[in-house]
Amino acid sequence: MLRSVDLSDYMLHNPVKVFATDHLSTAIDLIVKNKISGLCVVDDDGQLTGVLSEMDCLRAILGAVYNENSSMGLVGDFMTPNVDSCELHADLVDIASDMLKKGHRRRPVVDKGKLVGQITCRQLLNVVKEF
């Protein structure tokens, strides 16, 4: 039954995103304001180029403090560029299994490389509780 569920029906359709050229403080503000654990990083065409997590931000802040640097830098300096993503109509069970295996809390959803959404553990739990 779960295999018949369309991922696009449960994903977040407008994930919070930033550009690699944004200052890290902008990304941190978005993470805190939106109460999320990370952001998708896109280019000007909306193509997914990476992700930036709370841990990436914390690493940048501590690095700036350690190096007595007042500027943390840009998102692109700290994001993870090689990201596991899934296609828009991927099999929900396969995605959930892979996320669990890899310890991921969220997965960007792309359509021909363009970011169109994000699936999180919370969305996956919502699917399961309906069945």
N, C-alpha and C. Protein backbone atom coordinates (compact mmCIF):
# COMPACT_ATOMS: atom_id res chain seq x y z
N MET A 1 0.80 -1.19 0.00
CA MET A 1 0.00 0.00 0.00
C MET A 1 0.85 1.27 0.00
N LEU A 2 1.87 1.30 0.84
CA LEU A 2 2.75 2.47 0.89
C LEU A 2 3.48 2.69 -0.43
N ARG A 3 3.73 1.64 -1.16
CA ARG A 3 4.45 1.78 -2.43
C ARG A 3 3.62 2.51 -3.48
N SER A 4 2.31 2.60 -3.28
CA SER A 4 1.47 3.30 -4.24
C SER A 4 1.36 4.80 -3.95
N VAL A 5 1.94 5.24 -2.83
CA VAL A 5 1.88 6.64 -2.44
C VAL A 5 2.84 7.46 -3.30
N ASP A 6 2.36 8.59 -3.78
CA ASP A 6 3.19 9.48 -4.59
C ASP A 6 3.93 10.45 -3.66
N LEU A 7 5.23 10.46 -3.75
CA LEU A 7 6.08 11.32 -2.94
C LEU A 7 5.64 12.78 -3.01
N SER A 8 5.24 13.23 -4.18
CA SER A 8 4.87 14.63 -4.37
C SER A 8 3.65 15.05 -3.55
N ASP A 9 2.84 14.08 -3.12
CA ASP A 9 1.67 14.39 -2.31
C ASP A 9 2.04 14.72 -0.86
N TYR A 10 3.22 14.33 -0.42
CA TYR A 10 3.60 14.50 0.98
C TYR A 10 4.82 15.38 1.20
N MET A 11 5.52 15.73 0.17
CA MET A 11 6.73 16.54 0.33
C MET A 11 6.38 17.99 0.67
N LEU A 12 7.34 18.69 1.23
CA LEU A 12 7.23 20.13 1.40
C LEU A 12 7.46 20.75 0.03
N HIS A 13 6.52 21.53 -0.44
CA HIS A 13 6.62 22.04 -1.80
C HIS A 13 7.47 23.30 -1.93
N ASN A 14 7.71 23.99 -0.86
CA ASN A 14 8.52 25.20 -0.90
C ASN A 14 9.58 25.18 0.19
N PRO A 15 10.58 24.31 0.05
CA PRO A 15 11.60 24.27 1.11
C PRO A 15 12.36 25.59 1.17
N VAL A 16 12.81 25.93 2.36
CA VAL A 16 13.60 27.15 2.54
C VAL A 16 14.93 26.92 1.85
N LYS A 17 15.35 27.92 1.07
CA LYS A 17 16.59 27.76 0.30
C LYS A 17 17.42 29.03 0.33
N VAL A 18 18.69 28.85 0.02
CA VAL A 18 19.64 29.95 -0.08
C VAL A 18 20.50 29.72 -1.31
N PHE A 19 21.30 30.72 -1.62
CA PHE A 19 22.28 30.63 -2.70
C PHE A 19 23.67 30.44 -2.10
N ALA A 20 24.55 29.81 -2.83
CA ALA A 20 25.93 29.61 -2.36
C ALA A 20 26.63 30.95 -2.12
N THR A 21 26.17 31.99 -2.81
CA THR A 21 26.79 33.32 -2.68
C THR A 21 26.21 34.15 -1.54
N ASP A 22 25.19 33.62 -0.84
CA ASP A 22 24.64 34.32 0.32
C ASP A 22 25.63 34.25 1.48
N HIS A 23 25.62 35.28 2.30
CA HIS A 23 26.46 35.27 3.48
C HIS A 23 25.91 34.25 4.47
N LEU A 24 26.79 33.59 5.18
CA LEU A 24 26.40 32.55 6.13
C LEU A 24 25.43 33.09 7.19
N SER A 25 25.57 34.34 7.57
CA SER A 25 24.66 34.90 8.58
C SER A 25 23.22 34.92 8.07
N THR A 26 23.03 35.11 6.77
CA THR A 26 21.68 35.06 6.17
C THR A 26 21.10 33.66 6.35
N ALA A 27 21.91 32.65 6.08
CA ALA A 27 21.46 31.26 6.21
C ALA A 27 21.14 30.93 7.67
N ILE A 28 21.97 31.37 8.57
CA ILE A 28 21.73 31.11 10.00
C ILE A 28 20.42 31.76 10.43
N ASP A 29 20.18 32.99 9.99
CA ASP A 29 18.92 33.67 10.32
C ASP A 29 17.72 32.86 9.82
N LEU A 30 17.81 32.32 8.60
CA LEU A 30 16.71 31.52 8.04
C LEU A 30 16.48 30.23 8.82
N ILE A 31 17.56 29.58 9.21
CA ILE A 31 17.45 28.34 9.99
C ILE A 31 16.77 28.61 11.32
N VAL A 32 17.20 29.66 12.01
CA VAL A 32 16.63 29.99 13.31
C VAL A 32 15.18 30.47 13.18
N LYS A 33 14.93 31.37 12.24
CA LYS A 33 13.59 31.93 12.05
C LYS A 33 12.56 30.85 11.69
N ASN A 34 12.96 29.91 10.83
CA ASN A 34 12.04 28.89 10.35
C ASN A 34 12.04 27.62 11.20
N LYS A 35 12.89 27.59 12.23
CA LYS A 35 12.98 26.43 13.13
C LYS A 35 13.20 25.14 12.35
N ILE A 36 14.22 25.16 11.48
CA ILE A 36 14.56 24.00 10.67
C ILE A 36 16.01 23.62 10.90
N SER A 37 16.38 22.43 10.48
CA SER A 37 17.73 21.95 10.76
C SER A 37 18.69 22.13 9.59
N GLY A 38 18.19 22.65 8.48
CA GLY A 38 19.07 22.86 7.34
C GLY A 38 18.34 23.49 6.18
N LEU A 39 19.13 23.87 5.18
CA LEU A 39 18.63 24.56 4.01
C LEU A 39 19.10 23.89 2.73
N CYS A 40 18.30 23.99 1.70
CA CYS A 40 18.74 23.58 0.37
C CYS A 40 19.47 24.77 -0.26
N VAL A 41 20.53 24.48 -1.00
CA VAL A 41 21.29 25.52 -1.69
C VAL A 41 21.04 25.36 -3.19
N VAL A 42 20.64 26.44 -3.84
CA VAL A 42 20.31 26.40 -5.26
C VAL A 42 21.09 27.47 -6.02
N ASP A 43 21.15 27.29 -7.36
CA ASP A 43 21.75 28.32 -8.20
C ASP A 43 20.63 29.23 -8.72
N ASP A 44 20.98 30.17 -9.59
CA ASP A 44 20.00 31.13 -10.11
C ASP A 44 18.87 30.47 -10.89
N ASP A 45 19.10 29.27 -11.41
CA ASP A 45 18.08 28.56 -12.18
C ASP A 45 17.26 27.60 -11.33
N GLY A 46 17.51 27.58 -10.01
CA GLY A 46 16.78 26.70 -9.12
C GLY A 46 17.33 25.28 -9.07
N GLN A 47 18.50 25.07 -9.68
CA GLN A 47 19.13 23.75 -9.65
C GLN A 47 19.76 23.53 -8.27
N LEU A 48 19.54 22.36 -7.71
CA LEU A 48 20.11 22.02 -6.40
C LEU A 48 21.62 21.92 -6.53
N THR A 49 22.34 22.66 -5.67
CA THR A 49 23.80 22.61 -5.69
C THR A 49 24.39 22.09 -4.38
N GLY A 50 23.54 21.96 -3.34
CA GLY A 50 24.04 21.47 -2.07
C GLY A 50 23.04 21.67 -0.96
N VAL A 51 23.48 21.36 0.25
CA VAL A 51 22.69 21.61 1.46
C VAL A 51 23.59 22.23 2.51
N LEU A 52 22.98 22.95 3.40
CA LEU A 52 23.69 23.57 4.52
C LEU A 52 22.94 23.21 5.79
N SER A 53 23.61 22.56 6.72
CA SER A 53 22.96 22.11 7.96
C SER A 53 23.32 23.03 9.12
N GLU A 54 22.59 22.84 10.22
CA GLU A 54 22.93 23.55 11.46
C GLU A 54 24.37 23.24 11.86
N MET A 55 24.77 22.00 11.70
CA MET A 55 26.14 21.60 12.07
C MET A 55 27.17 22.32 11.21
N ASP A 56 26.89 22.48 9.91
CA ASP A 56 27.79 23.23 9.04
C ASP A 56 27.95 24.66 9.55
N CYS A 57 26.84 25.26 9.95
CA CYS A 57 26.86 26.64 10.46
C CYS A 57 27.64 26.75 11.76
N LEU A 58 27.40 25.80 12.65
CA LEU A 58 28.12 25.80 13.93
C LEU A 58 29.62 25.63 13.70
N ARG A 59 29.98 24.75 12.77
CA ARG A 59 31.39 24.55 12.43
C ARG A 59 32.01 25.87 11.93
N ALA A 60 31.28 26.60 11.12
CA ALA A 60 31.77 27.88 10.58
C ALA A 60 31.94 28.92 11.68
N ILE A 61 30.96 28.98 12.58
CA ILE A 61 31.03 29.95 13.68
C ILE A 61 32.22 29.66 14.57
N LEU A 62 32.39 28.40 14.96
CA LEU A 62 33.51 28.04 15.83
C LEU A 62 34.85 28.26 15.13
N GLY A 63 34.89 28.00 13.83
CA GLY A 63 36.12 28.26 13.07
C GLY A 63 36.46 29.73 13.05
N ALA A 64 35.46 30.59 12.89
CA ALA A 64 35.69 32.04 12.89
C ALA A 64 36.19 32.50 14.26
N VAL A 65 35.59 31.96 15.32
CA VAL A 65 36.01 32.32 16.68
C VAL A 65 37.44 31.85 16.92
N TYR A 66 37.73 30.61 16.56
CA TYR A 66 39.05 30.05 16.76
C TYR A 66 40.12 30.85 16.02
N ASN A 67 39.79 31.28 14.80
CA ASN A 67 40.74 32.03 13.98
C ASN A 67 40.66 33.53 14.20
N GLU A 68 39.86 33.94 15.21
CA GLU A 68 39.67 35.35 15.53
C GLU A 68 39.29 36.16 14.29
N ASN A 69 38.37 35.60 13.52
CA ASN A 69 37.90 36.22 12.29
C ASN A 69 36.48 36.70 12.53
N SER A 70 36.20 37.95 12.21
CA SER A 70 34.87 38.49 12.45
C SER A 70 33.87 38.08 11.38
N SER A 71 34.34 37.60 10.24
CA SER A 71 33.45 37.20 9.16
C SER A 71 33.49 35.68 8.98
N MET A 72 32.32 35.07 8.85
CA MET A 72 32.27 33.63 8.69
C MET A 72 32.42 33.20 7.24
N GLY A 73 32.00 34.01 6.30
CA GLY A 73 32.11 33.66 4.90
C GLY A 73 30.76 33.42 4.24
N LEU A 74 30.80 32.72 3.13
CA LEU A 74 29.61 32.48 2.32
C LEU A 74 29.10 31.06 2.50
N VAL A 75 27.85 30.88 2.18
CA VAL A 75 27.21 29.57 2.26
C VAL A 75 28.03 28.53 1.49
N GLY A 76 28.47 28.90 0.29
CA GLY A 76 29.23 27.98 -0.55
C GLY A 76 30.51 27.48 0.07
N ASP A 77 31.04 28.23 1.04
CA ASP A 77 32.28 27.82 1.71
C ASP A 77 32.04 26.68 2.70
N PHE A 78 30.79 26.48 3.12
CA PHE A 78 30.51 25.52 4.20
C PHE A 78 29.44 24.48 3.85
N MET A 79 28.76 24.64 2.72
CA MET A 79 27.70 23.70 2.35
C MET A 79 28.29 22.35 1.96
N THR A 80 27.44 21.35 1.96
CA THR A 80 27.80 20.04 1.45
C THR A 80 27.34 19.98 0.00
N PRO A 81 28.29 19.87 -0.93
CA PRO A 81 27.91 19.94 -2.36
C PRO A 81 27.37 18.63 -2.93
N ASN A 82 27.83 17.51 -2.46
CA ASN A 82 27.37 16.23 -2.99
C ASN A 82 26.22 15.72 -2.13
N VAL A 83 25.01 15.90 -2.64
CA VAL A 83 23.81 15.66 -1.86
C VAL A 83 23.00 14.51 -2.43
N ASP A 84 22.51 13.66 -1.54
CA ASP A 84 21.53 12.65 -1.96
C ASP A 84 20.21 13.38 -2.16
N SER A 85 19.65 13.23 -3.33
CA SER A 85 18.33 13.80 -3.61
C SER A 85 17.48 12.69 -4.21
N CYS A 86 16.22 12.97 -4.43
CA CYS A 86 15.36 12.00 -5.08
C CYS A 86 14.50 12.70 -6.12
N GLU A 87 14.05 11.92 -7.07
CA GLU A 87 13.20 12.46 -8.13
C GLU A 87 11.78 12.65 -7.61
N LEU A 88 11.05 13.48 -8.28
CA LEU A 88 9.72 13.90 -7.87
C LEU A 88 8.77 12.74 -7.60
N HIS A 89 8.79 11.71 -8.40
CA HIS A 89 7.84 10.61 -8.22
C HIS A 89 8.55 9.31 -7.77
N ALA A 90 9.59 9.48 -6.96
CA ALA A 90 10.33 8.32 -6.45
C ALA A 90 9.46 7.48 -5.52
N ASP A 91 9.85 6.23 -5.36
CA ASP A 91 9.14 5.32 -4.47
C ASP A 91 9.37 5.73 -3.02
N LEU A 92 8.31 6.04 -2.31
CA LEU A 92 8.39 6.54 -0.95
C LEU A 92 9.07 5.56 0.00
N VAL A 93 8.79 4.28 -0.14
CA VAL A 93 9.39 3.26 0.73
C VAL A 93 10.89 3.19 0.50
N ASP A 94 11.31 3.23 -0.75
CA ASP A 94 12.74 3.20 -1.06
C ASP A 94 13.46 4.42 -0.50
N ILE A 95 12.84 5.59 -0.61
CA ILE A 95 13.44 6.82 -0.09
C ILE A 95 13.55 6.75 1.43
N ALA A 96 12.47 6.33 2.09
CA ALA A 96 12.47 6.22 3.55
C ALA A 96 13.55 5.25 4.02
N SER A 97 13.67 4.13 3.34
CA SER A 97 14.67 3.12 3.70
C SER A 97 16.08 3.67 3.54
N ASP A 98 16.33 4.37 2.45
CA ASP A 98 17.66 4.93 2.22
C ASP A 98 17.98 6.04 3.22
N MET A 99 17.00 6.87 3.54
CA MET A 99 17.22 7.92 4.54
C MET A 99 17.56 7.31 5.90
N LEU A 100 16.84 6.26 6.26
CA LEU A 100 17.09 5.59 7.53
C LEU A 100 18.48 4.97 7.55
N LYS A 101 18.83 4.29 6.47
CA LYS A 101 20.14 3.64 6.37
C LYS A 101 21.29 4.64 6.48
N LYS A 102 21.11 5.82 5.89
CA LYS A 102 22.16 6.83 5.87
C LYS A 102 22.06 7.84 7.02
N GLY A 103 21.01 7.73 7.83
CA GLY A 103 20.84 8.64 8.95
C GLY A 103 20.48 10.05 8.53
N HIS A 104 19.77 10.20 7.42
CA HIS A 104 19.38 11.53 6.94
C HIS A 104 18.01 11.90 7.48
N ARG A 105 17.85 13.16 7.85
CA ARG A 105 16.58 13.65 8.37
C ARG A 105 15.71 14.24 7.27
N ARG A 106 16.31 14.57 6.16
CA ARG A 106 15.57 15.17 5.06
C ARG A 106 16.25 14.85 3.74
N ARG A 107 15.48 14.99 2.66
CA ARG A 107 16.03 14.70 1.34
C ARG A 107 15.41 15.69 0.36
N PRO A 108 16.24 16.46 -0.36
CA PRO A 108 15.70 17.34 -1.40
C PRO A 108 15.05 16.52 -2.52
N VAL A 109 13.98 17.06 -3.07
CA VAL A 109 13.27 16.43 -4.18
C VAL A 109 13.51 17.30 -5.41
N VAL A 110 13.97 16.66 -6.48
CA VAL A 110 14.30 17.40 -7.69
C VAL A 110 13.51 16.86 -8.88
N ASP A 111 13.33 17.72 -9.85
CA ASP A 111 12.74 17.35 -11.13
C ASP A 111 13.70 17.86 -12.20
N LYS A 112 14.43 16.94 -12.82
CA LYS A 112 15.47 17.28 -13.80
C LYS A 112 16.52 18.21 -13.19
N GLY A 113 16.88 17.94 -11.93
CA GLY A 113 17.92 18.70 -11.24
C GLY A 113 17.43 19.95 -10.54
N LYS A 114 16.23 20.40 -10.86
CA LYS A 114 15.68 21.61 -10.24
C LYS A 114 14.98 21.25 -8.94
N LEU A 115 15.26 21.99 -7.89
CA LEU A 115 14.65 21.76 -6.59
C LEU A 115 13.15 22.06 -6.66
N VAL A 116 12.33 21.06 -6.33
CA VAL A 116 10.88 21.24 -6.34
C VAL A 116 10.25 20.95 -4.99
N GLY A 117 11.02 20.41 -4.06
CA GLY A 117 10.48 20.11 -2.75
C GLY A 117 11.50 19.45 -1.85
N GLN A 118 11.01 18.97 -0.74
CA GLN A 118 11.86 18.27 0.22
C GLN A 118 10.97 17.30 1.01
N ILE A 119 11.50 16.13 1.25
CA ILE A 119 10.79 15.16 2.09
C ILE A 119 11.58 15.02 3.39
N THR A 120 10.87 15.01 4.49
CA THR A 120 11.52 14.91 5.80
C THR A 120 10.96 13.70 6.54
N CYS A 121 11.62 13.34 7.61
CA CYS A 121 11.12 12.25 8.44
C CYS A 121 9.71 12.54 8.93
N ARG A 122 9.41 13.79 9.23
CA ARG A 122 8.08 14.14 9.71
C ARG A 122 7.02 13.86 8.65
N GLN A 123 7.31 14.20 7.39
CA GLN A 123 6.36 13.91 6.31
C GLN A 123 6.19 12.41 6.15
N LEU A 124 7.28 11.67 6.27
CA LEU A 124 7.21 10.21 6.16
C LEU A 124 6.34 9.62 7.26
N LEU A 125 6.46 10.15 8.47
CA LEU A 125 5.62 9.68 9.58
C LEU A 125 4.14 9.98 9.32
N ASN A 126 3.87 11.13 8.72
CA ASN A 126 2.49 11.47 8.38
C ASN A 126 1.90 10.48 7.39
N VAL A 127 2.72 10.02 6.43
CA VAL A 127 2.25 9.04 5.46
C VAL A 127 1.91 7.74 6.17
N VAL A 128 2.81 7.27 7.02
CA VAL A 128 2.63 5.99 7.70
C VAL A 128 1.39 6.00 8.61
N LYS A 129 1.16 7.10 9.30
CA LYS A 129 0.03 7.13 10.23
C LYS A 129 -1.32 7.11 9.51
N GLU A 130 -1.32 7.47 8.22
CA GLU A 130 -2.56 7.42 7.43
C GLU A 130 -2.91 6.00 7.00
N PHE A 131 -1.96 5.09 7.05
CA PHE A 131 -2.22 3.72 6.58
C PHE A 131 -2.36 2.74 7.72
